[in-house]
Amino acid sequence: MAKVLISDKLDPLAVEIFKKNGIEVDFKAGISAAELLEIIPQYDGLAVRSETKVTAEILAAGKNLKVVGRAGIGVDNIDVPKATEAGVVVMNTPFGNSITTAEHAIAMMFALAREIPEANTSTHAGKWEKKRFMGVELYNKTLGVVGCGNIGGIVAARGVGLKMNVIAYDPFLSEERAVSLGVEKVELDDLLARADFITLHVPKNAHTANIIRAETIAKMKDGVRIINCARGGIINEADLKVALDSGKVAGAALDVFEVEPAKESIFFGMPNVVCTPHLGAATTEAQVNVALQVAEQMSDYLNTGAVSNAINAASISAEDAPRLKPYLKLAEQMGQFAGQISESAIQKIEIEYEGTITELNTDPVTSTIIASLLRNQTESVNMVNAMQMAESRGIQIKQSYDKTARNWRSMINVIVTSSTRTRNVMGTLFTGKEPRIVNIEGVPIEAALSANMLFIRNDDQPGMIGDLGMLLGQAGMNIADFRLGRKGDSSGAICLVALDGPVSDDLFAKISAQKQIQSAKRLSF
């Protein structure tokens, strides 16, 4: 039974979801880093919010860890590269709190426009400073949305509903999507120059860090107002403070900060800055939604292999998971086979898909092939980090697809080019679920792979099979299966021999020394 640890405060329904799915769960909200480090080896999954820091040290200690689920969107508290390196799937819940976060951004925009926090404080103090708080309307103002994905798209739609002129900058926003939202797609410089209000909805990465800084602020209208309910660090706080002091920026509404929790900030006490303590996802509905979503996603992965909303792995839907399962088994065996018969450094891996498999999501199949192939070189590779491992080794990856299969309903061909030669192995499924090798290096041969095997290249001459059988018999080795394939020109043959046990070094030396045997390899699956 899989076992999951919840280390941050999640809605209690998450525990019930795990239990309902047959997963053992421990709830230890507020656990210290030292205690987490001590107990993490016993868990298959770790569910967190933003408080737990999933560091390289934690990941290294989690010997059985397969998945980290973040109840929320941001994964700043998770070392995703190290998780990928360790083969741990990192999931988030990008949709559970989208509406809540978008609504908070709209609320912050209203608060900023009408100076509501300051007016509230003044009125509670018994003052009646009606003339002091002169706000601005949102109607007919230009709202610039930086990042028009899930949350940004909701904010944009709300802005349209408020009769604002909405413009959006997002390199991945299609023209069709912009039209459906009722917004104008623009470049960043154009947005900066035209917007009266700018709201940020991008993750923090190399492209977005300090996207709002002195240089970009200089391109904005005088009196612009800025809202950030996305991530700390996408605004250069020192540069924004200067712009607020000078009046270039009339006001800012900040739900996130470079350092959190923000017990101190250069913005505290400024009358033209609205600050909230990272409340974007802080509604009852959102907390329930993300808790349920992360529990379901992690349960699906641990029980069926379905991957949803993963940051570092290909998605596998719950519907596709059972259909992909036999292909993943075939992919693992083919990768292992190709890896074990390759003697020198791999330069290129080509994977050809034919037939009905092209109707499925083949990304996990590709990752499994590469992981199994490279496992001969490094034990730390798996489906999650396979592409990264291949890239780090300078290995080229090429995939091709043909919906028309030549000889089988579905076929995979793995071609491995090394520094010395190119080899290939083809595989298919019998009865839709049984993996079979059907061709090796151009030689037709049908074989199921088993735990202990011999792969032999031999002269196509009488006596080889008898001599090999005699050697195995004298050593007390029982042959479970024997498959032979011949080259069309009779220049040679190959055989795959399944045995009931491993071949000793002494016996393998005797087999390799046989005159008709060109080469032999011991294989294990």
Protein backbone atom coordinates (compact mmCIF):
# COMPACT_ATOMS: atom_id res chain seq x y z
CA MET A 1 0.00 0.00 0.00
CA ALA A 2 1.30 3.44 -0.98
CA LYS A 3 1.89 5.89 1.86
CA VAL A 4 1.53 9.70 1.74
CA LEU A 5 2.55 12.44 4.16
CA ILE A 6 0.64 15.74 4.36
CA SER A 7 3.10 18.20 5.91
CA ASP A 8 1.10 21.44 5.60
CA LYS A 9 -2.40 22.46 6.60
CA LEU A 10 -4.86 21.02 4.07
CA ASP A 11 -8.61 20.63 4.25
CA PRO A 12 -9.43 17.39 6.14
CA LEU A 13 -11.27 16.12 3.07
CA ALA A 14 -7.86 15.47 1.48
CA VAL A 15 -7.19 12.78 4.09
CA GLU A 16 -10.52 11.17 3.28
CA ILE A 17 -9.75 11.21 -0.45
CA PHE A 18 -6.44 9.40 0.10
CA LYS A 19 -8.06 6.81 2.35
CA LYS A 20 -10.94 6.28 -0.09
CA ASN A 21 -8.36 5.52 -2.78
CA GLY A 22 -6.65 2.90 -0.63
CA ILE A 23 -3.64 5.02 0.33
CA GLU A 24 -2.25 5.20 3.85
CA VAL A 25 -1.90 8.83 4.94
CA ASP A 26 -0.25 10.69 7.82
CA PHE A 27 -1.26 14.29 8.58
CA LYS A 28 1.58 16.24 10.22
CA ALA A 29 0.92 19.92 9.50
CA GLY A 30 3.67 22.22 10.74
CA ILE A 31 6.30 19.49 10.89
CA SER A 32 9.87 20.80 11.27
CA ALA A 33 12.44 20.43 8.51
CA ALA A 34 14.53 18.18 10.75
CA GLU A 35 11.63 15.84 11.48
CA LEU A 36 10.60 15.78 7.82
CA LEU A 37 14.13 14.82 6.85
CA GLU A 38 14.05 11.98 9.37
CA ILE A 39 10.71 10.43 8.36
CA ILE A 40 10.50 11.15 4.60
CA PRO A 41 12.19 7.85 3.59
CA GLN A 42 9.04 5.90 4.52
CA TYR A 43 6.71 7.82 2.18
CA ASP A 44 5.79 7.40 -1.50
CA GLY A 45 4.13 10.80 -1.70
CA LEU A 46 4.39 14.22 -0.05
CA ALA A 47 1.51 16.73 -0.14
CA VAL A 48 2.41 20.35 0.67
CA ARG A 49 1.24 23.92 0.39
CA SER A 50 3.74 26.78 0.54
CA GLU A 51 5.10 26.32 4.07
CA THR A 52 7.09 23.10 3.60
CA LYS A 53 10.37 23.58 1.77
CA VAL A 54 11.02 20.52 -0.39
CA THR A 55 14.77 20.94 -0.67
CA ALA A 56 17.46 18.89 -2.39
CA GLU A 57 18.27 17.39 1.00
CA ILE A 58 14.66 16.27 1.55
CA LEU A 59 14.48 14.80 -1.96
CA ALA A 60 17.76 12.93 -1.49
CA ALA A 61 16.47 11.45 1.76
CA GLY A 62 13.16 10.40 0.19
CA LYS A 63 14.40 7.08 -1.15
CA ASN A 64 10.84 5.87 -1.81
CA LEU A 65 9.42 9.24 -2.83
CA LYS A 66 7.60 9.15 -6.15
CA VAL A 67 5.47 12.27 -6.16
CA VAL A 68 5.26 15.70 -4.50
CA GLY A 69 1.86 17.37 -4.76
CA ARG A 70 1.53 21.14 -4.28
CA ALA A 71 -1.96 22.24 -3.26
CA GLY A 72 -1.85 25.49 -5.23
CA ILE A 73 -0.08 26.86 -8.26
CA GLY A 74 3.37 28.11 -7.28
CA VAL A 75 6.14 25.60 -6.74
CA ASP A 76 8.78 28.06 -5.51
CA ASN A 77 9.13 26.02 -2.31
CA ILE A 78 10.01 22.85 -4.25
CA ASP A 79 13.40 22.23 -5.83
CA VAL A 80 11.93 21.07 -9.13
CA PRO A 81 15.29 20.46 -10.92
CA LYS A 82 16.46 18.23 -8.05
CA ALA A 83 13.09 16.47 -7.99
CA THR A 84 13.41 15.80 -11.71
CA GLU A 85 16.95 14.56 -11.20
CA ALA A 86 15.69 12.25 -8.46
CA GLY A 87 12.84 11.01 -10.63
CA VAL A 88 10.12 12.51 -8.46
CA VAL A 89 7.01 13.83 -10.19
CA VAL A 90 6.05 17.34 -9.05
CA MET A 91 2.35 18.19 -9.44
CA ASN A 92 0.45 21.39 -8.75
CA THR A 93 -3.23 22.33 -8.87
CA PRO A 94 -3.45 25.18 -11.35
CA PHE A 95 -7.23 25.33 -11.53
CA GLY A 96 -8.41 24.85 -7.95
CA ASN A 97 -7.82 28.45 -6.89
CA SER A 98 -7.93 30.28 -10.23
CA ILE A 99 -11.20 32.12 -9.66
CA THR A 100 -10.26 33.01 -6.09
CA THR A 101 -6.90 34.47 -7.12
CA ALA A 102 -8.42 36.34 -10.06
CA GLU A 103 -11.11 37.81 -7.83
CA HIS A 104 -8.46 38.95 -5.34
CA ALA A 105 -6.62 40.77 -8.12
CA ILE A 106 -9.87 42.54 -9.10
CA ALA A 107 -10.54 43.37 -5.43
CA MET A 108 -7.03 44.81 -5.10
CA MET A 109 -7.60 46.91 -8.20
CA PHE A 110 -10.79 48.36 -6.71
CA ALA A 111 -9.09 48.95 -3.36
CA LEU A 112 -6.24 50.75 -5.11
CA ALA A 113 -8.50 52.83 -7.33
CA ARG A 114 -10.73 54.03 -4.47
CA GLU A 115 -8.11 54.08 -1.66
CA ILE A 116 -10.35 51.83 0.42
CA PRO A 117 -7.77 50.61 3.01
CA GLU A 118 -6.67 54.14 3.94
CA ALA A 119 -10.26 55.40 3.95
CA ASN A 120 -11.26 52.50 6.20
CA THR A 121 -8.47 53.22 8.69
CA SER A 122 -9.31 56.93 8.70
CA THR A 123 -13.00 56.35 9.30
CA HIS A 124 -12.37 53.82 12.09
CA ALA A 125 -10.23 56.52 13.74
CA GLY A 126 -13.28 58.79 13.93
CA LYS A 127 -12.21 61.05 11.11
CA TRP A 128 -14.47 62.04 8.24
CA GLU A 129 -11.94 62.84 5.49
CA LYS A 130 -14.32 62.75 2.57
CA LYS A 131 -12.30 65.19 0.48
CA ARG A 132 -9.00 63.41 1.16
CA PHE A 133 -9.86 60.21 -0.65
CA MET A 134 -10.43 61.13 -4.27
CA GLY A 135 -10.29 57.92 -6.30
CA VAL A 136 -10.47 57.09 -9.97
CA GLU A 137 -13.03 55.14 -11.98
CA LEU A 138 -12.21 51.83 -13.63
CA TYR A 139 -14.78 52.45 -16.38
CA ASN A 140 -13.15 53.10 -19.75
CA LYS A 141 -9.65 52.82 -18.29
CA THR A 142 -7.10 50.57 -20.00
CA LEU A 143 -6.25 47.40 -18.10
CA GLY A 144 -2.98 45.75 -19.09
CA VAL A 145 -2.85 42.04 -18.26
CA VAL A 146 0.67 40.61 -18.26
CA GLY A 147 0.26 36.85 -18.57
CA CYS A 148 -3.12 35.81 -19.97
CA GLY A 149 -3.22 32.17 -18.93
CA ASN A 150 -5.77 30.59 -16.64
CA ILE A 151 -5.88 33.28 -13.92
CA GLY A 152 -4.94 36.17 -16.21
CA GLY A 153 -7.70 35.13 -18.60
CA ILE A 154 -10.29 35.29 -15.81
CA VAL A 155 -9.03 38.72 -14.74
CA ALA A 156 -9.18 39.90 -18.36
CA ALA A 157 -12.78 38.68 -18.70
CA ARG A 158 -13.74 40.45 -15.47
CA GLY A 159 -12.09 43.61 -16.75
CA VAL A 160 -14.13 43.42 -19.95
CA GLY A 161 -17.24 43.04 -17.77
CA LEU A 162 -16.28 46.25 -15.96
CA LYS A 163 -16.24 48.03 -19.34
CA MET A 164 -12.48 48.51 -19.23
CA ASN A 165 -10.35 48.44 -22.36
CA VAL A 166 -8.35 45.27 -21.83
CA ILE A 167 -5.02 44.65 -23.52
CA ALA A 168 -2.91 41.57 -22.88
CA TYR A 169 0.70 40.57 -23.29
CA ASP A 170 1.39 36.84 -23.43
CA PRO A 171 3.63 35.19 -26.04
CA PHE A 172 1.47 32.04 -25.85
CA LEU A 173 -1.88 33.79 -26.23
CA SER A 174 -3.45 32.90 -29.57
CA GLU A 175 -5.38 35.45 -31.59
CA GLU A 176 -8.46 33.21 -31.35
CA ARG A 177 -8.24 33.09 -27.55
CA ALA A 178 -7.76 36.87 -27.37
CA VAL A 179 -10.88 37.40 -29.49
CA SER A 180 -12.91 34.98 -27.34
CA LEU A 181 -11.87 36.91 -24.21
CA GLY A 182 -12.61 40.26 -25.84
CA VAL A 183 -9.08 41.56 -25.35
CA GLU A 184 -6.43 43.01 -27.62
CA LYS A 185 -3.18 41.10 -27.84
CA VAL A 186 -0.16 43.44 -27.73
CA GLU A 187 3.58 43.42 -27.17
CA LEU A 188 4.91 44.26 -23.72
CA ASP A 189 6.23 47.73 -24.59
CA ASP A 190 2.85 48.65 -26.09
CA LEU A 191 1.06 47.47 -22.95
CA LEU A 192 3.39 49.45 -20.71
CA ALA A 193 2.83 52.62 -22.70
CA ARG A 194 -0.98 52.38 -22.84
CA ALA A 195 -2.17 50.81 -19.58
CA ASP A 196 -3.71 52.78 -16.70
CA PHE A 197 -3.70 49.65 -14.54
CA ILE A 198 -1.22 46.79 -14.94
CA THR A 199 -1.93 43.42 -13.35
CA LEU A 200 0.66 40.63 -13.32
CA HIS A 201 -0.18 36.95 -13.75
CA VAL A 202 3.06 35.18 -14.66
CA PRO A 203 5.23 32.63 -12.84
CA LYS A 204 8.65 33.65 -11.66
CA ASN A 205 11.33 32.34 -14.00
CA ALA A 206 14.36 33.54 -15.92
CA HIS A 207 12.14 35.46 -18.35
CA THR A 208 9.85 37.12 -15.81
CA ALA A 209 12.12 37.87 -12.84
CA ASN A 210 12.18 41.68 -12.41
CA ILE A 211 9.89 42.15 -15.40
CA ILE A 212 8.79 45.34 -13.61
CA ARG A 213 11.94 47.36 -12.96
CA ALA A 214 13.26 50.87 -13.54
CA GLU A 215 13.68 50.30 -17.27
CA THR A 216 10.13 49.04 -17.82
CA ILE A 217 8.57 51.50 -15.37
CA ALA A 218 10.08 54.34 -17.43
CA LYS A 219 7.99 53.16 -20.40
CA MET A 220 4.73 53.40 -18.43
CA LYS A 221 2.21 56.21 -18.29
CA ASP A 222 2.62 58.70 -15.47
CA GLY A 223 0.19 57.78 -12.72
CA VAL A 224 -0.07 54.10 -13.62
CA ARG A 225 -1.26 51.68 -10.93
CA ILE A 226 0.28 48.18 -10.57
CA ILE A 227 -1.26 45.03 -9.08
CA ASN A 228 0.72 41.88 -8.28
CA CYS A 229 -1.10 38.79 -7.01
CA ALA A 230 1.22 36.40 -8.83
CA ARG A 231 4.75 35.95 -7.48
CA GLY A 232 7.26 37.92 -5.46
CA GLY A 233 10.40 38.71 -7.44
CA ILE A 234 8.70 39.60 -10.71
CA ILE A 235 8.76 43.23 -9.49
CA ASN A 236 12.01 44.87 -8.47
CA GLU A 237 10.82 46.25 -5.15
CA ALA A 238 13.50 48.92 -4.81
CA ASP A 239 12.74 50.29 -8.29
CA LEU A 240 9.01 50.30 -7.59
CA LYS A 241 9.56 52.17 -4.31
CA VAL A 242 11.45 54.93 -6.16
CA ALA A 243 8.66 55.19 -8.74
CA LEU A 244 6.00 55.37 -6.01
CA ASP A 245 7.90 58.08 -4.15
CA SER A 246 8.28 60.15 -7.31
CA GLY A 247 4.64 59.78 -8.36
CA LYS A 248 5.51 58.04 -11.63
CA VAL A 249 3.49 55.13 -10.25
CA ALA A 250 0.37 56.42 -8.49
CA GLY A 251 -0.15 53.29 -6.45
CA ALA A 252 0.54 49.58 -6.09
CA ALA A 253 -1.44 46.66 -4.68
CA LEU A 254 0.80 43.80 -3.59
CA ASP A 255 -0.26 40.38 -2.37
CA VAL A 256 3.21 38.84 -2.81
CA PHE A 257 6.73 39.91 -1.87
CA GLU A 258 10.33 39.03 -2.64
CA VAL A 259 10.77 37.63 0.87
CA GLU A 260 7.85 35.90 2.59
CA PRO A 261 6.51 35.99 5.16
CA ALA A 262 7.00 39.75 4.78
CA LYS A 263 7.34 40.87 8.39
CA GLU A 264 9.19 43.96 7.18
CA SER A 265 8.96 45.76 3.85
CA ILE A 266 9.97 49.06 2.27
CA PHE A 267 6.29 49.45 1.30
CA PHE A 268 4.84 49.25 4.80
CA GLY A 269 3.37 52.56 5.90
CA MET A 270 3.10 53.97 2.38
CA PRO A 271 -0.42 55.40 1.88
CA ASN A 272 -0.45 54.60 -1.84
CA VAL A 273 0.37 50.90 -1.41
CA VAL A 274 -2.19 48.23 -0.54
CA CYS A 275 -0.58 45.14 1.03
CA THR A 276 -2.12 41.74 1.80
CA PRO A 277 -0.34 38.62 3.15
CA HIS A 278 -0.45 36.34 0.08
CA LEU A 279 -4.23 35.96 0.18
CA GLY A 280 -4.73 35.16 -3.50
CA ALA A 281 -5.92 31.63 -2.80
CA ALA A 282 -7.34 32.32 0.65
CA THR A 283 -11.01 31.47 0.35
CA THR A 284 -12.83 28.53 1.85
CA GLU A 285 -13.83 27.31 -1.59
CA ALA A 286 -10.29 27.47 -2.97
CA GLN A 287 -8.74 25.65 -0.02
CA VAL A 288 -11.23 22.81 -0.36
CA ASN A 289 -10.74 22.69 -4.14
CA VAL A 290 -6.94 22.50 -4.11
CA ALA A 291 -6.91 19.95 -1.28
CA LEU A 292 -9.30 17.67 -3.10
CA GLN A 293 -7.53 18.15 -6.41
CA VAL A 294 -4.03 17.37 -5.12
CA ALA A 295 -5.28 14.30 -3.23
CA GLU A 296 -7.05 12.94 -6.31
CA GLN A 297 -4.06 13.63 -8.58
CA MET A 298 -1.57 11.98 -6.25
CA SER A 299 -3.88 9.01 -5.69
CA ASP A 300 -4.33 8.52 -9.42
CA TYR A 301 -0.58 8.56 -9.97
CA LEU A 302 0.26 6.18 -7.13
CA ASN A 303 -2.56 3.77 -8.02
CA THR A 304 -2.71 3.84 -11.81
CA GLY A 305 0.23 5.86 -13.12
CA ALA A 306 -2.03 8.68 -14.36
CA VAL A 307 -0.14 11.99 -14.37
CA SER A 308 -2.09 15.26 -14.12
CA ASN A 309 -0.75 18.82 -13.92
CA ALA A 310 2.85 17.68 -13.54
CA ILE A 311 5.54 20.34 -13.70
CA ASN A 312 8.28 17.93 -14.76
CA ALA A 313 6.65 14.93 -16.46
CA ALA A 314 4.41 14.14 -19.40
CA SER A 315 0.72 14.03 -18.59
CA ILE A 316 -1.09 10.69 -18.67
CA SER A 317 -4.87 10.91 -18.34
CA ALA A 318 -6.79 8.46 -16.19
CA GLU A 319 -8.40 7.20 -19.40
CA ASP A 320 -5.06 6.75 -21.18
CA ALA A 321 -3.25 5.16 -18.22
CA PRO A 322 -4.71 1.63 -18.63
CA ARG A 323 -4.28 1.77 -22.42
CA LEU A 324 -0.70 2.97 -22.08
CA LYS A 325 0.26 0.47 -19.37
CA PRO A 326 1.14 -2.45 -21.72
CA TYR A 327 2.97 -0.05 -24.05
CA LEU A 328 5.01 1.26 -21.13
CA LYS A 329 5.97 -2.34 -20.27
CA LEU A 330 6.96 -2.93 -23.90
CA ALA A 331 8.87 0.38 -23.93
CA GLU A 332 10.78 -0.57 -20.79
CA GLN A 333 11.81 -3.94 -22.22
CA MET A 334 12.81 -2.47 -25.58
CA GLY A 335 14.87 0.25 -23.92
CA GLN A 336 16.57 -2.30 -21.67
CA PHE A 337 17.31 -4.52 -24.67
CA ALA A 338 18.73 -1.70 -26.79
CA GLY A 339 20.79 -0.44 -23.87
CA GLN A 340 22.28 -3.84 -23.07
CA ILE A 341 23.36 -4.58 -26.65
CA SER A 342 24.96 -1.14 -27.15
CA GLU A 343 28.66 -1.27 -26.33
CA SER A 344 29.77 2.32 -26.90
CA ALA A 345 28.61 5.86 -26.15
CA ILE A 346 25.13 6.62 -27.49
CA GLN A 347 24.91 9.59 -29.81
CA LYS A 348 21.35 9.42 -31.11
CA ILE A 349 18.06 7.69 -30.27
CA GLU A 350 15.32 7.51 -32.88
CA ILE A 351 11.87 6.20 -32.00
CA GLU A 352 9.37 5.37 -34.72
CA TYR A 353 5.71 4.84 -33.85
CA GLU A 354 3.35 3.08 -36.26
CA GLY A 355 -0.33 2.15 -36.16
CA THR A 356 -2.78 2.53 -33.29
CA ILE A 357 -0.19 3.70 -30.76
CA THR A 358 -0.03 7.00 -32.65
CA GLU A 359 -3.56 7.70 -31.36
CA LEU A 360 -2.23 7.81 -27.78
CA ASN A 361 0.00 10.26 -25.91
CA THR A 362 3.40 8.74 -26.65
CA ASP A 363 5.46 11.14 -24.53
CA PRO A 364 5.49 8.77 -21.52
CA VAL A 365 6.41 5.88 -23.84
CA THR A 366 9.34 7.84 -25.24
CA SER A 367 10.50 8.81 -21.76
CA THR A 368 10.29 5.18 -20.62
CA ILE A 369 12.30 3.93 -23.60
CA ILE A 370 15.04 6.49 -23.01
CA ALA A 371 15.10 5.88 -19.25
CA SER A 372 15.37 2.11 -19.70
CA LEU A 373 18.01 2.53 -22.39
CA LEU A 374 20.18 4.83 -20.28
CA ARG A 375 19.77 2.78 -17.10
CA ASN A 376 22.73 0.72 -18.24
CA GLN A 377 24.81 3.88 -17.79
CA THR A 378 23.19 5.40 -14.70
CA GLU A 379 20.83 3.94 -12.11
CA SER A 380 19.29 7.32 -11.26
CA VAL A 381 17.46 7.73 -14.56
CA ASN A 382 13.70 7.18 -14.85
CA MET A 383 10.68 8.35 -16.84
CA VAL A 384 10.65 11.73 -15.13
CA ASN A 385 14.26 12.74 -15.74
CA ALA A 386 15.03 10.71 -18.88
CA MET A 387 14.89 13.58 -21.36
CA GLN A 388 17.00 15.77 -19.08
CA MET A 389 19.58 12.98 -18.71
CA ALA A 390 19.75 12.44 -22.46
CA GLU A 391 20.14 16.16 -23.11
CA SER A 392 22.90 16.48 -20.51
CA ARG A 393 24.79 13.74 -22.32
CA GLY A 394 24.40 15.38 -25.72
CA ILE A 395 22.19 12.56 -27.03
CA GLN A 396 19.91 13.55 -29.90
CA ILE A 397 16.29 12.40 -29.63
CA LYS A 398 14.11 12.04 -32.72
CA GLN A 399 10.53 10.77 -32.94
CA SER A 400 8.37 9.98 -35.97
CA TYR A 401 4.79 8.83 -36.44
CA ASP A 402 2.98 6.82 -39.12
CA LYS A 403 -0.66 5.95 -38.56
CA THR A 404 -0.34 3.10 -41.06
CA ALA A 405 1.43 0.07 -39.57
CA ARG A 406 3.36 -2.21 -41.92
CA ASN A 407 2.97 -5.65 -40.34
CA TRP A 408 1.34 -5.10 -36.95
CA ARG A 409 -1.60 -3.10 -35.64
CA SER A 410 0.87 -1.15 -33.57
CA MET A 411 4.66 -1.09 -33.64
CA ILE A 412 7.58 0.70 -31.99
CA ASN A 413 11.02 0.81 -33.59
CA VAL A 414 13.96 1.98 -31.46
CA ILE A 415 17.10 2.91 -33.41
CA VAL A 416 20.25 3.59 -31.40
CA THR A 417 23.29 5.18 -33.00
CA SER A 418 26.52 4.90 -31.06
CA SER A 419 30.06 5.93 -31.85
CA THR A 420 30.67 2.59 -33.56
CA ARG A 421 27.42 1.45 -35.19
CA THR A 422 23.64 1.73 -35.45
CA ARG A 423 21.35 -0.94 -34.00
CA ASN A 424 17.59 -1.25 -33.87
CA VAL A 425 14.92 -3.31 -32.17
CA MET A 426 11.23 -3.46 -33.04
CA GLY A 427 8.43 -4.40 -30.70
CA THR A 428 4.67 -4.81 -30.60
CA LEU A 429 1.86 -6.11 -28.38
CA PHE A 430 0.29 -9.51 -28.92
CA THR A 431 -3.43 -9.62 -28.04
CA GLY A 432 -3.09 -5.95 -27.18
CA LYS A 433 -1.23 -6.57 -23.92
CA GLU A 434 1.69 -8.99 -24.30
CA PRO A 435 5.06 -7.34 -25.21
CA ARG A 436 6.98 -9.02 -28.00
CA ILE A 437 10.24 -8.30 -29.81
CA VAL A 438 9.60 -8.83 -33.54
CA ASN A 439 12.79 -7.64 -35.25
CA ILE A 440 16.39 -7.12 -34.20
CA GLU A 441 18.80 -5.31 -36.50
CA GLY A 442 16.70 -6.14 -39.54
CA VAL A 443 16.28 -9.81 -38.66
CA PRO A 444 12.67 -10.96 -38.06
CA ILE A 445 12.43 -12.79 -34.73
CA GLU A 446 9.44 -13.11 -32.40
CA ALA A 447 10.27 -13.39 -28.72
CA ALA A 448 8.98 -12.58 -25.28
CA LEU A 449 11.66 -11.24 -22.95
CA SER A 450 12.28 -12.85 -19.57
CA ALA A 451 14.49 -12.39 -16.50
CA ASN A 452 17.57 -14.26 -17.79
CA MET A 453 18.46 -14.42 -21.47
CA LEU A 454 21.29 -14.90 -23.91
CA PHE A 455 21.48 -12.84 -27.09
CA ILE A 456 23.73 -14.50 -29.64
CA ARG A 457 24.93 -13.58 -33.12
CA ASN A 458 26.13 -16.69 -34.91
CA ASP A 459 27.13 -18.18 -38.25
CA ASP A 460 24.12 -19.61 -40.06
CA GLN A 461 25.51 -23.17 -40.17
CA PRO A 462 24.41 -26.58 -38.88
CA GLY A 463 25.49 -27.66 -35.41
CA MET A 464 25.41 -24.34 -33.54
CA ILE A 465 22.10 -24.98 -31.77
CA GLY A 466 23.15 -28.50 -30.77
CA ASP A 467 26.51 -27.34 -29.42
CA LEU A 468 24.89 -24.51 -27.45
CA GLY A 469 22.24 -26.85 -26.02
CA MET A 470 24.90 -29.32 -24.96
CA LEU A 471 26.90 -26.66 -23.13
CA LEU A 472 23.82 -25.43 -21.32
CA GLY A 473 22.69 -28.97 -20.47
CA GLN A 474 26.09 -29.92 -19.08
CA ALA A 475 25.92 -26.86 -16.83
CA GLY A 476 22.46 -27.82 -15.61
CA MET A 477 20.84 -24.81 -17.28
CA ASN A 478 17.26 -25.35 -18.42
CA ILE A 479 16.13 -23.61 -21.64
CA ALA A 480 12.73 -21.96 -21.12
CA ASP A 481 12.45 -20.64 -24.68
CA PHE A 482 14.60 -20.56 -27.80
CA ARG A 483 14.02 -18.17 -30.72
CA LEU A 484 16.08 -18.05 -33.92
CA GLY A 485 16.10 -15.47 -36.70
CA ARG A 486 18.06 -15.66 -39.95
CA LYS A 487 19.33 -12.95 -42.23
CA GLY A 488 17.98 -13.20 -45.73
CA ASP A 489 21.39 -13.67 -47.34
CA SER A 490 22.39 -16.55 -45.00
CA SER A 491 25.39 -14.55 -43.81
CA GLY A 492 24.40 -14.96 -40.21
CA ALA A 493 21.67 -15.45 -37.66
CA ILE A 494 20.65 -14.32 -34.21
CA CYS A 495 19.02 -16.16 -31.37
CA LEU A 496 17.40 -15.27 -28.07
CA VAL A 497 17.54 -17.95 -25.40
CA ALA A 498 15.45 -17.67 -22.25
CA LEU A 499 16.89 -19.56 -19.28
CA ASP A 500 15.63 -20.52 -15.84
CA GLY A 501 18.58 -18.87 -14.14
CA PRO A 502 21.55 -16.55 -14.73
CA VAL A 503 24.55 -17.72 -16.75
CA SER A 504 27.76 -17.97 -14.74
CA ASP A 505 30.96 -16.28 -15.89
CA ASP A 506 32.59 -19.66 -16.56
CA LEU A 507 29.71 -20.94 -18.67
CA PHE A 508 29.43 -17.64 -20.54
CA ALA A 509 33.14 -17.81 -21.42
CA LYS A 510 32.66 -21.32 -22.86
CA ILE A 511 29.65 -20.20 -24.91
CA SER A 512 31.47 -17.12 -26.27
CA ALA A 513 34.40 -19.30 -27.29
CA GLN A 514 32.32 -21.51 -29.60
CA LYS A 515 33.57 -21.30 -33.18
CA GLN A 516 30.21 -20.53 -34.77
CA ILE A 517 29.28 -17.85 -32.27
CA GLN A 518 30.26 -14.35 -33.41
CA SER A 519 29.21 -12.60 -30.20
CA ALA A 520 27.15 -13.29 -27.11
CA LYS A 521 25.57 -11.11 -24.44
CA ARG A 522 23.87 -11.89 -21.18
CA LEU A 523 20.63 -9.95 -20.81
CA SER A 524 18.34 -9.44 -17.85
CA PHE A 525 14.85 -7.92 -17.73
